Amino acid sequence: MKKGEGWKMEGLTSLTMGFSMDEVLVSILEVKGGEVYIDTHEPGLKVESLTGLKELYRSHASTSTSAAWLGGHLP
């Protein structure tokens, strides 16, 4: 589900997993439009605060900015 009016589906660019400070597993999804979505119940959680990041998927056609939003912290 995309933020905004109505439903919109975009192709997935990357899927990364990491842990919050409470050691809860969190999914980070980036779509082709460049938006980054964090699957969490913790309000205000920032990607930069996650630890143990593992990239599970990256589209071969990706020109993603994931390294930028992660501060280059991917293993």
N, C-alpha and C. Protein backbone atom coordinates (compact mmCIF):
# COMPACT_ATOMS: atom_id res chain seq x y z
N MET A 1 0.84 -1.16 0.00
CA MET A 1 0.00 0.00 0.00
C MET A 1 0.89 1.23 0.00
N LYS A 2 0.58 2.14 -0.83
CA LYS A 2 1.37 3.35 -0.99
C LYS A 2 0.73 4.50 -0.23
N LYS A 3 1.55 5.34 0.35
CA LYS A 3 1.02 6.52 1.05
C LYS A 3 0.38 7.44 0.02
N GLY A 4 -0.82 7.86 0.27
CA GLY A 4 -1.49 8.74 -0.66
C GLY A 4 -2.89 8.27 -0.97
N GLU A 5 -3.48 8.85 -1.99
CA GLU A 5 -4.84 8.51 -2.36
C GLU A 5 -4.89 7.20 -3.13
N GLY A 6 -5.84 6.37 -2.80
CA GLY A 6 -6.07 5.13 -3.52
C GLY A 6 -4.93 4.12 -3.38
N TRP A 7 -5.04 3.06 -4.14
CA TRP A 7 -4.05 1.98 -4.12
C TRP A 7 -3.12 2.13 -5.30
N LYS A 8 -1.87 1.82 -5.09
CA LYS A 8 -0.89 1.86 -6.16
C LYS A 8 0.16 0.79 -5.87
N MET A 9 0.56 0.06 -6.88
CA MET A 9 1.57 -0.96 -6.69
C MET A 9 2.79 -0.61 -7.54
N GLU A 10 3.96 -0.64 -6.92
CA GLU A 10 5.21 -0.40 -7.64
C GLU A 10 6.09 -1.63 -7.49
N GLY A 11 6.98 -1.81 -8.43
CA GLY A 11 7.91 -2.93 -8.37
C GLY A 11 8.87 -2.79 -7.20
N LEU A 12 9.21 -3.91 -6.60
CA LEU A 12 10.15 -3.92 -5.49
C LEU A 12 11.58 -3.81 -6.01
N THR A 13 12.35 -2.89 -5.45
CA THR A 13 13.74 -2.70 -5.83
C THR A 13 14.66 -3.47 -4.89
N SER A 14 14.36 -3.40 -3.58
CA SER A 14 15.17 -4.14 -2.63
C SER A 14 14.39 -4.47 -1.37
N LEU A 15 14.82 -5.54 -0.71
CA LEU A 15 14.28 -5.96 0.58
C LEU A 15 15.46 -6.18 1.51
N THR A 16 15.46 -5.47 2.62
CA THR A 16 16.52 -5.58 3.61
C THR A 16 15.87 -5.83 4.96
N MET A 17 16.53 -6.62 5.81
CA MET A 17 16.04 -6.89 7.15
C MET A 17 17.07 -6.41 8.15
N GLY A 18 16.59 -5.95 9.29
CA GLY A 18 17.47 -5.51 10.37
C GLY A 18 16.73 -5.60 11.69
N PHE A 19 17.43 -5.26 12.77
CA PHE A 19 16.85 -5.34 14.10
C PHE A 19 16.74 -3.94 14.71
N SER A 20 15.60 -3.71 15.38
CA SER A 20 15.41 -2.46 16.12
C SER A 20 16.20 -2.53 17.42
N MET A 21 16.20 -1.42 18.17
CA MET A 21 16.90 -1.39 19.45
C MET A 21 16.30 -2.40 20.44
N ASP A 22 15.01 -2.76 20.22
CA ASP A 22 14.34 -3.75 21.07
C ASP A 22 14.54 -5.17 20.54
N GLU A 23 15.43 -5.33 19.55
CA GLU A 23 15.76 -6.60 18.92
C GLU A 23 14.57 -7.24 18.21
N VAL A 24 13.71 -6.38 17.65
CA VAL A 24 12.58 -6.84 16.84
C VAL A 24 13.00 -6.79 15.38
N LEU A 25 12.72 -7.87 14.64
CA LEU A 25 13.07 -7.94 13.22
C LEU A 25 12.19 -6.97 12.42
N VAL A 26 12.81 -6.16 11.58
CA VAL A 26 12.12 -5.13 10.80
C VAL A 26 12.47 -5.30 9.32
N SER A 27 11.45 -5.20 8.46
CA SER A 27 11.65 -5.25 7.01
C SER A 27 11.75 -3.84 6.46
N ILE A 28 12.68 -3.64 5.52
CA ILE A 28 12.83 -2.36 4.83
C ILE A 28 12.62 -2.65 3.35
N LEU A 29 11.60 -2.04 2.79
CA LEU A 29 11.26 -2.26 1.38
C LEU A 29 11.48 -0.98 0.61
N GLU A 30 12.18 -1.07 -0.50
CA GLU A 30 12.35 0.07 -1.40
C GLU A 30 11.69 -0.27 -2.72
N VAL A 31 10.90 0.67 -3.24
CA VAL A 31 10.20 0.45 -4.50
C VAL A 31 10.82 1.29 -5.61
N LYS A 32 10.44 0.97 -6.85
CA LYS A 32 11.05 1.62 -8.01
C LYS A 32 10.96 3.14 -7.99
N GLY A 33 9.92 3.70 -7.39
CA GLY A 33 9.77 5.15 -7.31
C GLY A 33 10.73 5.80 -6.33
N GLY A 34 11.50 4.96 -5.59
CA GLY A 34 12.48 5.49 -4.65
C GLY A 34 11.99 5.58 -3.21
N GLU A 35 10.69 5.37 -2.98
CA GLU A 35 10.15 5.40 -1.63
C GLU A 35 10.69 4.22 -0.82
N VAL A 36 10.90 4.45 0.47
CA VAL A 36 11.37 3.41 1.39
C VAL A 36 10.30 3.22 2.45
N TYR A 37 9.88 1.97 2.64
CA TYR A 37 8.86 1.64 3.63
C TYR A 37 9.47 0.74 4.69
N ILE A 38 9.15 1.04 5.95
CA ILE A 38 9.65 0.25 7.07
C ILE A 38 8.47 -0.45 7.71
N ASP A 39 8.55 -1.78 7.82
CA ASP A 39 7.50 -2.59 8.41
C ASP A 39 7.73 -2.67 9.92
N THR A 40 7.11 -1.74 10.66
CA THR A 40 7.31 -1.69 12.11
C THR A 40 6.09 -1.10 12.80
N HIS A 41 5.93 -1.43 14.05
CA HIS A 41 4.87 -0.84 14.87
C HIS A 41 5.43 0.31 15.73
N GLU A 42 6.75 0.52 15.66
CA GLU A 42 7.40 1.54 16.48
C GLU A 42 7.32 2.90 15.77
N PRO A 43 6.56 3.84 16.32
CA PRO A 43 6.46 5.16 15.68
C PRO A 43 7.81 5.88 15.67
N GLY A 44 8.11 6.50 14.55
CA GLY A 44 9.34 7.28 14.43
C GLY A 44 10.61 6.48 14.25
N LEU A 45 10.51 5.18 14.07
CA LEU A 45 11.71 4.35 13.88
C LEU A 45 12.42 4.77 12.60
N LYS A 46 13.71 4.98 12.68
CA LYS A 46 14.53 5.38 11.54
C LYS A 46 15.38 4.21 11.07
N VAL A 47 15.53 4.09 9.76
CA VAL A 47 16.35 3.02 9.18
C VAL A 47 17.76 3.04 9.76
N GLU A 48 18.28 4.23 9.98
CA GLU A 48 19.65 4.38 10.46
C GLU A 48 19.87 3.76 11.85
N SER A 49 18.79 3.56 12.61
CA SER A 49 18.92 3.01 13.95
C SER A 49 18.95 1.48 13.97
N LEU A 50 18.69 0.85 12.84
CA LEU A 50 18.65 -0.61 12.78
C LEU A 50 20.05 -1.21 12.77
N THR A 51 20.17 -2.39 13.33
CA THR A 51 21.45 -3.10 13.36
C THR A 51 21.31 -4.44 12.67
N GLY A 52 22.44 -5.07 12.37
CA GLY A 52 22.45 -6.40 11.76
C GLY A 52 21.77 -6.45 10.41
N LEU A 53 21.93 -5.39 9.61
CA LEU A 53 21.25 -5.31 8.31
C LEU A 53 21.73 -6.39 7.35
N LYS A 54 20.76 -7.04 6.69
CA LYS A 54 21.04 -8.04 5.67
C LYS A 54 20.15 -7.77 4.47
N GLU A 55 20.75 -7.56 3.33
CA GLU A 55 19.97 -7.38 2.11
C GLU A 55 19.59 -8.76 1.59
N LEU A 56 18.29 -9.00 1.45
CA LEU A 56 17.78 -10.30 1.01
C LEU A 56 17.44 -10.31 -0.47
N TYR A 57 17.14 -9.15 -1.02
CA TYR A 57 16.77 -9.08 -2.44
C TYR A 57 17.15 -7.73 -3.00
N ARG A 58 17.63 -7.73 -4.23
CA ARG A 58 17.87 -6.51 -4.99
C ARG A 58 17.57 -6.82 -6.45
N SER A 59 16.76 -5.97 -7.07
CA SER A 59 16.43 -6.12 -8.47
C SER A 59 17.68 -5.91 -9.31
N HIS A 60 17.89 -6.74 -10.31
CA HIS A 60 19.06 -6.60 -11.18
C HIS A 60 19.02 -5.30 -11.98
N ALA A 61 17.82 -4.82 -12.26
CA ALA A 61 17.66 -3.59 -13.05
C ALA A 61 17.66 -2.36 -12.14
N SER A 62 18.01 -2.55 -10.89
CA SER A 62 17.91 -1.48 -9.90
C SER A 62 18.96 -0.40 -10.09
N THR A 63 18.51 0.83 -9.97
CA THR A 63 19.41 1.98 -9.83
C THR A 63 19.09 2.61 -8.49
N SER A 64 18.94 1.76 -7.51
CA SER A 64 18.46 2.13 -6.19
C SER A 64 19.40 3.04 -5.42
N THR A 65 18.83 3.72 -4.45
CA THR A 65 19.61 4.59 -3.57
C THR A 65 19.75 3.98 -2.19
N SER A 66 19.56 2.68 -2.06
CA SER A 66 19.59 2.03 -0.75
C SER A 66 20.85 2.33 0.02
N ALA A 67 22.00 2.32 -0.62
CA ALA A 67 23.24 2.60 0.09
C ALA A 67 23.20 3.98 0.71
N ALA A 68 22.53 4.91 0.07
CA ALA A 68 22.43 6.26 0.60
C ALA A 68 21.55 6.30 1.85
N TRP A 69 20.36 5.68 1.81
CA TRP A 69 19.50 5.74 2.99
C TRP A 69 19.99 4.89 4.12
N LEU A 70 20.87 3.94 3.85
CA LEU A 70 21.47 3.14 4.91
C LEU A 70 22.82 3.68 5.33
N GLY A 71 23.22 4.77 4.74
CA GLY A 71 24.51 5.34 5.09
C GLY A 71 25.66 4.44 4.67
N GLY A 72 25.42 3.60 3.65
CA GLY A 72 26.47 2.70 3.17
C GLY A 72 26.77 1.55 4.12
N HIS A 73 25.82 1.19 5.00
CA HIS A 73 26.07 0.18 6.03
C HIS A 73 25.74 -1.24 5.62
N LEU A 74 25.42 -1.49 4.37
CA LEU A 74 25.13 -2.86 3.97
C LEU A 74 26.40 -3.69 3.96
N PRO A 75 26.28 -4.94 4.43
CA PRO A 75 27.46 -5.81 4.44
C PRO A 75 27.92 -6.20 3.05
